[in-house]
Amino acid sequence: MLKLTKKADYGLIALKHLVVHGPDSSSAKEIAEMYGIPLSLLSKILQKLVKNGFLRSEHGTNGGYRLAREAKDITALEVIRSIDGPIFLTACFTEHGYCCHTDKCIVRDPLQKVHEGILRLLASISIADMSQDKPKTVEEDLTKSPEKLYELTAPVRPI
């Protein structure tokens, strides 16, 4: 199952919090308490986001964290990759890209298209988008893209 790690989830939560509660900085403690995130884990995530250029750390009594870039210029894909590393749907899509079934695999190419579609969707969603009251739908994102991979609606079968 393709699933975000808690670290990536917490990183996205923290970035969204900073957009919604900005432009003032927020402390790690404030964010951790508001969302029930362990402070030590959140502190490490925030430090990683600073190191990767998403946040600025401000010291002092009113210190905390602020966005280092515009929220519209930070994508969900960038954040997830900076925290978790590369995203792979299956082992076929790692840098090695080979398993014992590669030569006979009949689903590798279709799964590659799904994998690319997921990456494209994550790359199309900014932290600013995530911070809006009305979230974009998948259909709105796909209609912007010049190439639709697959129809996402499955046929409904009677029970």
N, C-alpha and C. Protein backbone atom coordinates (compact mmCIF):
# COMPACT_ATOMS: atom_id res chain seq x y z
N MET A 1 0.84 -1.18 0.00
CA MET A 1 0.00 0.00 0.00
C MET A 1 0.89 1.25 0.00
N LEU A 2 0.59 2.15 -0.88
CA LEU A 2 1.28 3.43 -0.92
C LEU A 2 0.73 4.28 0.21
N LYS A 3 1.62 4.71 1.10
CA LYS A 3 1.17 5.41 2.29
C LYS A 3 2.23 6.41 2.72
N LEU A 4 1.79 7.59 3.13
CA LEU A 4 2.71 8.59 3.66
C LEU A 4 3.20 8.14 5.03
N THR A 5 4.45 8.43 5.33
CA THR A 5 4.92 8.17 6.69
C THR A 5 4.36 9.25 7.60
N LYS A 6 4.39 8.98 8.89
CA LYS A 6 3.94 9.99 9.85
C LYS A 6 4.80 11.24 9.75
N LYS A 7 6.09 11.04 9.50
CA LYS A 7 6.99 12.19 9.39
C LYS A 7 6.56 13.12 8.26
N ALA A 8 6.25 12.55 7.09
CA ALA A 8 5.82 13.37 5.96
C ALA A 8 4.48 14.04 6.27
N ASP A 9 3.58 13.29 6.88
CA ASP A 9 2.28 13.83 7.26
C ASP A 9 2.46 15.00 8.22
N TYR A 10 3.29 14.84 9.23
CA TYR A 10 3.54 15.90 10.20
C TYR A 10 4.21 17.11 9.54
N GLY A 11 5.09 16.87 8.60
CA GLY A 11 5.73 17.98 7.89
C GLY A 11 4.72 18.80 7.11
N LEU A 12 3.81 18.11 6.43
CA LEU A 12 2.76 18.82 5.68
C LEU A 12 1.83 19.58 6.61
N ILE A 13 1.51 18.97 7.76
CA ILE A 13 0.66 19.64 8.76
C ILE A 13 1.33 20.92 9.24
N ALA A 14 2.62 20.83 9.55
CA ALA A 14 3.36 21.99 10.06
C ALA A 14 3.41 23.11 9.01
N LEU A 15 3.66 22.75 7.76
CA LEU A 15 3.70 23.77 6.71
C LEU A 15 2.35 24.43 6.52
N LYS A 16 1.30 23.62 6.52
CA LYS A 16 -0.04 24.19 6.38
C LYS A 16 -0.34 25.10 7.57
N HIS A 17 0.02 24.69 8.75
CA HIS A 17 -0.19 25.52 9.94
C HIS A 17 0.48 26.88 9.77
N LEU A 18 1.70 26.88 9.27
CA LEU A 18 2.43 28.13 9.10
C LEU A 18 1.78 29.05 8.07
N VAL A 19 1.16 28.46 7.05
CA VAL A 19 0.44 29.27 6.06
C VAL A 19 -0.82 29.85 6.68
N VAL A 20 -1.59 29.00 7.33
CA VAL A 20 -2.88 29.43 7.89
C VAL A 20 -2.68 30.43 9.03
N HIS A 21 -1.65 30.24 9.84
CA HIS A 21 -1.43 31.11 11.00
C HIS A 21 -0.36 32.17 10.75
N GLY A 22 0.10 32.30 9.51
CA GLY A 22 1.13 33.27 9.17
C GLY A 22 0.58 34.66 9.11
N PRO A 23 1.39 35.63 8.92
CA PRO A 23 2.81 35.57 8.60
C PRO A 23 3.71 35.44 9.84
N ASP A 24 3.11 35.47 11.04
CA ASP A 24 3.92 35.32 12.25
C ASP A 24 4.54 33.93 12.31
N SER A 25 5.66 33.83 13.00
CA SER A 25 6.29 32.52 13.15
C SER A 25 5.55 31.73 14.23
N SER A 26 5.71 30.43 14.20
CA SER A 26 5.12 29.54 15.19
C SER A 26 6.23 28.66 15.74
N SER A 27 6.13 28.35 17.02
CA SER A 27 7.13 27.49 17.63
C SER A 27 6.77 26.02 17.40
N ALA A 28 7.79 25.18 17.50
CA ALA A 28 7.56 23.74 17.38
C ALA A 28 6.59 23.28 18.46
N LYS A 29 6.73 23.84 19.65
CA LYS A 29 5.85 23.46 20.76
C LYS A 29 4.40 23.80 20.46
N GLU A 30 4.17 25.00 19.93
CA GLU A 30 2.81 25.43 19.59
C GLU A 30 2.18 24.48 18.57
N ILE A 31 2.93 24.15 17.52
CA ILE A 31 2.41 23.26 16.47
C ILE A 31 2.16 21.87 17.03
N ALA A 32 3.12 21.37 17.81
CA ALA A 32 3.00 20.02 18.38
C ALA A 32 1.77 19.92 19.28
N GLU A 33 1.58 20.90 20.11
CA GLU A 33 0.43 20.87 21.03
C GLU A 33 -0.89 20.99 20.28
N MET A 34 -0.93 21.82 19.25
CA MET A 34 -2.18 22.04 18.53
C MET A 34 -2.65 20.77 17.80
N TYR A 35 -1.70 19.96 17.32
CA TYR A 35 -2.07 18.80 16.50
C TYR A 35 -1.75 17.46 17.16
N GLY A 36 -1.30 17.49 18.40
CA GLY A 36 -1.02 16.24 19.11
C GLY A 36 0.16 15.47 18.54
N ILE A 37 1.18 16.20 18.10
CA ILE A 37 2.38 15.58 17.51
C ILE A 37 3.47 15.56 18.57
N PRO A 38 4.18 14.45 18.72
CA PRO A 38 5.30 14.42 19.68
C PRO A 38 6.31 15.53 19.34
N LEU A 39 6.63 16.36 20.34
CA LEU A 39 7.49 17.52 20.14
C LEU A 39 8.87 17.14 19.62
N SER A 40 9.47 16.10 20.16
CA SER A 40 10.82 15.73 19.73
C SER A 40 10.83 15.32 18.26
N LEU A 41 9.81 14.59 17.83
CA LEU A 41 9.72 14.17 16.42
C LEU A 41 9.47 15.39 15.53
N LEU A 42 8.56 16.25 15.93
CA LEU A 42 8.27 17.43 15.12
C LEU A 42 9.50 18.33 15.00
N SER A 43 10.24 18.48 16.08
CA SER A 43 11.45 19.31 16.05
C SER A 43 12.43 18.80 15.01
N LYS A 44 12.61 17.50 14.92
CA LYS A 44 13.51 16.91 13.91
C LYS A 44 13.00 17.16 12.50
N ILE A 45 11.70 17.03 12.32
CA ILE A 45 11.10 17.26 11.00
C ILE A 45 11.27 18.73 10.60
N LEU A 46 11.01 19.63 11.52
CA LEU A 46 11.14 21.06 11.22
C LEU A 46 12.59 21.41 10.90
N GLN A 47 13.54 20.81 11.60
CA GLN A 47 14.95 21.04 11.30
C GLN A 47 15.30 20.56 9.89
N LYS A 48 14.74 19.43 9.50
CA LYS A 48 14.96 18.91 8.15
C LYS A 48 14.36 19.86 7.11
N LEU A 49 13.19 20.40 7.41
CA LEU A 49 12.56 21.34 6.48
C LEU A 49 13.35 22.65 6.38
N VAL A 50 13.99 23.05 7.46
CA VAL A 50 14.88 24.22 7.41
C VAL A 50 16.08 23.89 6.54
N LYS A 51 16.69 22.75 6.79
CA LYS A 51 17.88 22.33 6.04
C LYS A 51 17.60 22.24 4.54
N ASN A 52 16.38 21.83 4.18
CA ASN A 52 16.02 21.68 2.77
C ASN A 52 15.40 22.93 2.15
N GLY A 53 15.42 24.04 2.89
CA GLY A 53 15.02 25.32 2.31
C GLY A 53 13.54 25.64 2.30
N PHE A 54 12.73 24.88 3.04
CA PHE A 54 11.29 25.16 3.08
C PHE A 54 10.95 26.14 4.20
N LEU A 55 11.73 26.10 5.28
CA LEU A 55 11.47 26.93 6.45
C LEU A 55 12.69 27.75 6.82
N ARG A 56 12.42 28.82 7.58
CA ARG A 56 13.48 29.60 8.23
C ARG A 56 13.25 29.47 9.73
N SER A 57 14.32 29.30 10.45
CA SER A 57 14.26 29.23 11.90
C SER A 57 14.63 30.59 12.46
N GLU A 58 13.80 31.12 13.36
CA GLU A 58 14.06 32.41 13.97
C GLU A 58 14.28 32.22 15.45
N HIS A 59 15.38 32.73 15.95
CA HIS A 59 15.74 32.56 17.35
C HIS A 59 15.23 33.73 18.18
N GLY A 60 15.22 33.56 19.48
CA GLY A 60 14.80 34.64 20.37
C GLY A 60 13.48 34.34 21.03
N THR A 61 13.02 35.29 21.84
CA THR A 61 11.79 35.07 22.61
C THR A 61 10.56 34.92 21.72
N ASN A 62 10.53 35.61 20.61
CA ASN A 62 9.40 35.48 19.68
C ASN A 62 9.78 34.62 18.48
N GLY A 63 10.78 33.80 18.65
CA GLY A 63 11.27 32.97 17.56
C GLY A 63 10.33 31.83 17.23
N GLY A 64 10.72 31.09 16.25
CA GLY A 64 9.93 29.96 15.78
C GLY A 64 10.29 29.66 14.35
N TYR A 65 9.30 29.24 13.60
CA TYR A 65 9.52 28.86 12.20
C TYR A 65 8.60 29.67 11.30
N ARG A 66 9.12 30.01 10.13
CA ARG A 66 8.37 30.68 9.06
C ARG A 66 8.69 29.99 7.75
N LEU A 67 7.81 30.17 6.79
CA LEU A 67 8.11 29.66 5.45
C LEU A 67 9.29 30.43 4.87
N ALA A 68 10.17 29.71 4.21
CA ALA A 68 11.32 30.34 3.55
C ALA A 68 10.98 30.69 2.10
N ARG A 69 9.93 30.08 1.58
CA ARG A 69 9.48 30.33 0.20
C ARG A 69 7.98 30.57 0.24
N GLU A 70 7.46 31.07 -0.86
CA GLU A 70 6.01 31.26 -0.98
C GLU A 70 5.32 29.89 -0.94
N ALA A 71 4.18 29.83 -0.25
CA ALA A 71 3.44 28.57 -0.13
C ALA A 71 3.02 28.01 -1.48
N LYS A 72 2.78 28.89 -2.44
CA LYS A 72 2.38 28.43 -3.78
C LYS A 72 3.53 27.77 -4.52
N ASP A 73 4.75 28.00 -4.06
CA ASP A 73 5.94 27.44 -4.71
C ASP A 73 6.47 26.19 -4.04
N ILE A 74 5.78 25.70 -3.02
CA ILE A 74 6.19 24.48 -2.32
C ILE A 74 5.16 23.41 -2.62
N THR A 75 5.59 22.32 -3.24
CA THR A 75 4.65 21.25 -3.59
C THR A 75 4.67 20.14 -2.54
N ALA A 76 3.56 19.43 -2.48
CA ALA A 76 3.47 18.27 -1.59
C ALA A 76 4.56 17.26 -1.94
N LEU A 77 4.83 17.07 -3.22
CA LEU A 77 5.85 16.12 -3.65
C LEU A 77 7.23 16.50 -3.11
N GLU A 78 7.58 17.77 -3.21
CA GLU A 78 8.88 18.24 -2.70
C GLU A 78 9.03 17.96 -1.21
N VAL A 79 7.98 18.25 -0.47
CA VAL A 79 8.02 18.08 0.98
C VAL A 79 8.16 16.61 1.34
N ILE A 80 7.34 15.77 0.71
CA ILE A 80 7.38 14.34 1.00
C ILE A 80 8.75 13.77 0.66
N ARG A 81 9.28 14.13 -0.50
CA ARG A 81 10.61 13.64 -0.90
C ARG A 81 11.70 14.12 0.05
N SER A 82 11.59 15.36 0.52
CA SER A 82 12.64 15.88 1.40
C SER A 82 12.64 15.18 2.75
N ILE A 83 11.50 14.69 3.17
CA ILE A 83 11.40 14.00 4.46
C ILE A 83 11.61 12.50 4.32
N ASP A 84 10.95 11.89 3.34
CA ASP A 84 10.98 10.43 3.19
C ASP A 84 11.95 9.92 2.14
N GLY A 85 12.41 10.78 1.27
CA GLY A 85 13.21 10.32 0.14
C GLY A 85 12.31 10.01 -1.03
N PRO A 86 12.85 9.32 -2.04
CA PRO A 86 12.06 9.04 -3.24
C PRO A 86 10.80 8.22 -2.95
N ILE A 87 9.79 8.45 -3.77
CA ILE A 87 8.52 7.73 -3.65
C ILE A 87 8.49 6.64 -4.71
N PHE A 88 8.23 5.42 -4.28
CA PHE A 88 8.16 4.29 -5.20
C PHE A 88 6.85 3.54 -4.99
N LEU A 89 6.14 3.31 -6.06
CA LEU A 89 4.91 2.53 -5.99
C LEU A 89 5.24 1.06 -5.81
N THR A 90 6.23 0.58 -6.55
CA THR A 90 6.69 -0.80 -6.42
C THR A 90 8.21 -0.82 -6.54
N ALA A 91 8.80 -1.96 -6.26
CA ALA A 91 10.26 -2.10 -6.33
C ALA A 91 10.79 -1.87 -7.75
N CYS A 92 9.94 -2.06 -8.76
CA CYS A 92 10.36 -1.84 -10.15
C CYS A 92 10.86 -0.43 -10.39
N PHE A 93 10.37 0.51 -9.61
CA PHE A 93 10.64 1.91 -9.89
C PHE A 93 11.74 2.50 -9.01
N THR A 94 12.49 1.64 -8.35
CA THR A 94 13.65 2.12 -7.59
C THR A 94 14.78 2.39 -8.58
N GLU A 95 15.89 2.91 -8.08
CA GLU A 95 17.00 3.20 -8.99
C GLU A 95 17.56 1.93 -9.62
N HIS A 96 17.42 0.80 -8.94
CA HIS A 96 17.89 -0.46 -9.51
C HIS A 96 16.89 -0.96 -10.56
N GLY A 97 15.60 -0.82 -10.26
CA GLY A 97 14.54 -1.10 -11.22
C GLY A 97 14.47 -2.51 -11.75
N TYR A 98 14.91 -3.46 -10.96
CA TYR A 98 14.89 -4.83 -11.46
C TYR A 98 14.46 -5.77 -10.34
N CYS A 99 13.66 -6.75 -10.71
CA CYS A 99 13.36 -7.85 -9.80
C CYS A 99 13.41 -9.13 -10.63
N CYS A 100 13.25 -10.25 -10.00
CA CYS A 100 13.39 -11.52 -10.72
C CYS A 100 12.27 -11.73 -11.74
N HIS A 101 11.24 -10.93 -11.72
CA HIS A 101 10.11 -11.08 -12.65
C HIS A 101 10.08 -10.02 -13.75
N THR A 102 11.04 -9.12 -13.77
CA THR A 102 11.01 -7.99 -14.70
C THR A 102 10.82 -8.42 -16.15
N ASP A 103 11.52 -9.46 -16.58
CA ASP A 103 11.43 -9.89 -17.99
C ASP A 103 10.07 -10.43 -18.37
N LYS A 104 9.31 -10.94 -17.39
CA LYS A 104 8.02 -11.56 -17.68
C LYS A 104 6.84 -10.75 -17.15
N CYS A 105 7.12 -9.63 -16.53
CA CYS A 105 6.07 -8.86 -15.86
C CYS A 105 5.12 -8.21 -16.88
N ILE A 106 3.83 -8.40 -16.65
CA ILE A 106 2.84 -7.82 -17.57
C ILE A 106 2.17 -6.57 -16.99
N VAL A 107 2.51 -6.19 -15.76
CA VAL A 107 1.88 -5.01 -15.16
C VAL A 107 2.87 -3.86 -14.93
N ARG A 108 4.12 -4.05 -15.24
CA ARG A 108 5.12 -3.02 -14.99
C ARG A 108 4.80 -1.71 -15.73
N ASP A 109 4.49 -1.80 -17.02
CA ASP A 109 4.21 -0.58 -17.79
C ASP A 109 2.95 0.14 -17.31
N PRO A 110 1.84 -0.57 -17.10
CA PRO A 110 0.66 0.14 -16.56
C PRO A 110 0.92 0.74 -15.17
N LEU A 111 1.64 0.01 -14.33
CA LEU A 111 1.95 0.54 -13.01
C LEU A 111 2.89 1.74 -13.09
N GLN A 112 3.75 1.76 -14.08
CA GLN A 112 4.63 2.91 -14.29
C GLN A 112 3.78 4.16 -14.57
N LYS A 113 2.72 4.00 -15.38
CA LYS A 113 1.83 5.12 -15.67
C LYS A 113 1.10 5.58 -14.42
N VAL A 114 0.66 4.63 -13.58
CA VAL A 114 0.01 5.00 -12.32
C VAL A 114 0.99 5.74 -11.42
N HIS A 115 2.20 5.21 -11.32
CA HIS A 115 3.25 5.82 -10.52
C HIS A 115 3.51 7.26 -10.97
N GLU A 116 3.66 7.46 -12.26
CA GLU A 116 3.90 8.80 -12.79
C GLU A 116 2.71 9.72 -12.54
N GLY A 117 1.51 9.17 -12.62
CA GLY A 117 0.31 9.96 -12.35
C GLY A 117 0.26 10.43 -10.90
N ILE A 118 0.64 9.56 -9.98
CA ILE A 118 0.67 9.92 -8.56
C ILE A 118 1.70 11.02 -8.33
N LEU A 119 2.88 10.86 -8.91
CA LEU A 119 3.92 11.88 -8.75
C LEU A 119 3.47 13.22 -9.35
N ARG A 120 2.83 13.17 -10.52
CA ARG A 120 2.35 14.40 -11.16
C ARG A 120 1.27 15.08 -10.30
N LEU A 121 0.39 14.28 -9.73
CA LEU A 121 -0.66 14.85 -8.88
C LEU A 121 -0.05 15.51 -7.64
N LEU A 122 0.88 14.82 -6.97
CA LEU A 122 1.53 15.41 -5.80
C LEU A 122 2.31 16.67 -6.16
N ALA A 123 2.90 16.68 -7.35
CA ALA A 123 3.65 17.86 -7.80
C ALA A 123 2.73 19.02 -8.14
N SER A 124 1.46 18.74 -8.41
CA SER A 124 0.51 19.80 -8.78
C SER A 124 -0.17 20.43 -7.57
N ILE A 125 0.03 19.87 -6.39
CA ILE A 125 -0.62 20.38 -5.20
C ILE A 125 0.39 21.15 -4.36
N SER A 126 0.14 22.44 -4.19
CA SER A 126 1.05 23.26 -3.39
C SER A 126 0.55 23.33 -1.95
N ILE A 127 1.42 23.80 -1.09
CA ILE A 127 1.01 24.02 0.30
C ILE A 127 -0.08 25.08 0.36
N ALA A 128 -0.03 26.05 -0.53
CA ALA A 128 -1.10 27.06 -0.61
C ALA A 128 -2.43 26.40 -0.96
N ASP A 129 -2.41 25.45 -1.92
CA ASP A 129 -3.63 24.73 -2.27
C ASP A 129 -4.18 23.98 -1.06
N MET A 130 -3.28 23.34 -0.33
CA MET A 130 -3.69 22.55 0.84
C MET A 130 -4.26 23.44 1.94
N SER A 131 -3.94 24.72 1.90
CA SER A 131 -4.35 25.64 2.96
C SER A 131 -5.65 26.38 2.65
N GLN A 132 -6.20 26.15 1.47
CA GLN A 132 -7.46 26.80 1.10
C GLN A 132 -8.61 26.12 1.82
N ASP A 133 -9.69 26.89 2.00
CA ASP A 133 -10.88 26.31 2.63
C ASP A 133 -11.49 25.22 1.77
N LYS A 134 -11.58 25.47 0.48
CA LYS A 134 -12.18 24.51 -0.43
C LYS A 134 -11.05 23.81 -1.18
N PRO A 135 -10.78 22.54 -0.85
CA PRO A 135 -9.70 21.85 -1.53
C PRO A 135 -10.05 21.54 -2.99
N LYS A 136 -9.00 21.50 -3.82
CA LYS A 136 -9.19 21.11 -5.22
C LYS A 136 -9.56 19.63 -5.26
N THR A 137 -10.33 19.25 -6.27
CA THR A 137 -10.64 17.84 -6.44
C THR A 137 -9.65 17.23 -7.42
N VAL A 138 -9.55 15.92 -7.40
CA VAL A 138 -8.67 15.21 -8.32
C VAL A 138 -9.05 15.53 -9.75
N GLU A 139 -10.35 15.61 -10.02
CA GLU A 139 -10.81 15.88 -11.37
C GLU A 139 -10.33 17.25 -11.85
N GLU A 140 -10.35 18.25 -10.97
CA GLU A 140 -9.88 19.59 -11.35
C GLU A 140 -8.39 19.55 -11.69
N ASP A 141 -7.61 18.79 -10.91
CA ASP A 141 -6.19 18.68 -11.18
C ASP A 141 -5.93 17.98 -12.50
N LEU A 142 -6.66 16.93 -12.78
CA LEU A 142 -6.42 16.16 -14.00
C LEU A 142 -6.87 16.91 -15.24
N THR A 143 -7.90 17.75 -15.12
CA THR A 143 -8.34 18.48 -16.30
C THR A 143 -7.35 19.56 -16.67
N LYS A 144 -6.55 20.04 -15.72
CA LYS A 144 -5.51 21.01 -16.02
C LYS A 144 -4.37 20.34 -16.78
N SER A 145 -4.12 19.09 -16.48
CA SER A 145 -3.02 18.37 -17.09
C SER A 145 -3.36 18.05 -18.54
N PRO A 146 -2.43 18.29 -19.47
CA PRO A 146 -2.73 18.04 -20.87
C PRO A 146 -2.92 16.56 -21.18
N GLU A 147 -2.40 15.71 -20.34
CA GLU A 147 -2.53 14.29 -20.64
C GLU A 147 -3.15 13.55 -19.46
N LYS A 148 -4.34 13.04 -19.67
CA LYS A 148 -5.01 12.23 -18.65
C LYS A 148 -4.50 10.81 -18.79
N LEU A 149 -4.12 10.22 -17.68
CA LEU A 149 -3.61 8.86 -17.76
C LEU A 149 -4.74 7.85 -17.91
N TYR A 150 -5.64 7.86 -16.97
CA TYR A 150 -6.75 6.92 -16.96
C TYR A 150 -7.96 7.63 -16.40
N GLU A 151 -9.12 7.17 -16.74
CA GLU A 151 -10.32 7.66 -16.09
C GLU A 151 -10.30 7.10 -14.67
N LEU A 152 -10.57 7.93 -13.69
CA LEU A 152 -10.49 7.50 -12.31
C LEU A 152 -11.80 6.91 -11.80
N THR A 153 -12.86 7.02 -12.58
CA THR A 153 -14.13 6.47 -12.11
C THR A 153 -14.22 5.01 -12.53
N ALA A 154 -14.49 4.19 -11.56
CA ALA A 154 -14.64 2.75 -11.81
C ALA A 154 -16.09 2.46 -12.12
N PRO A 155 -16.34 1.45 -12.96
CA PRO A 155 -17.74 1.11 -13.22
C PRO A 155 -18.41 0.62 -11.94
N VAL A 156 -19.65 1.03 -11.77
CA VAL A 156 -20.40 0.62 -10.59
C VAL A 156 -21.11 -0.68 -10.91
N ARG A 157 -20.86 -1.65 -10.09
CA ARG A 157 -21.51 -2.97 -10.28
C ARG A 157 -22.58 -3.14 -9.23
N PRO A 158 -23.73 -3.62 -9.61
CA PRO A 158 -24.80 -3.83 -8.61
C PRO A 158 -24.39 -4.91 -7.62
N ILE A 159 -24.81 -4.73 -6.40
CA ILE A 159 -24.47 -5.71 -5.34
C ILE A 159 -25.48 -6.81 -5.30
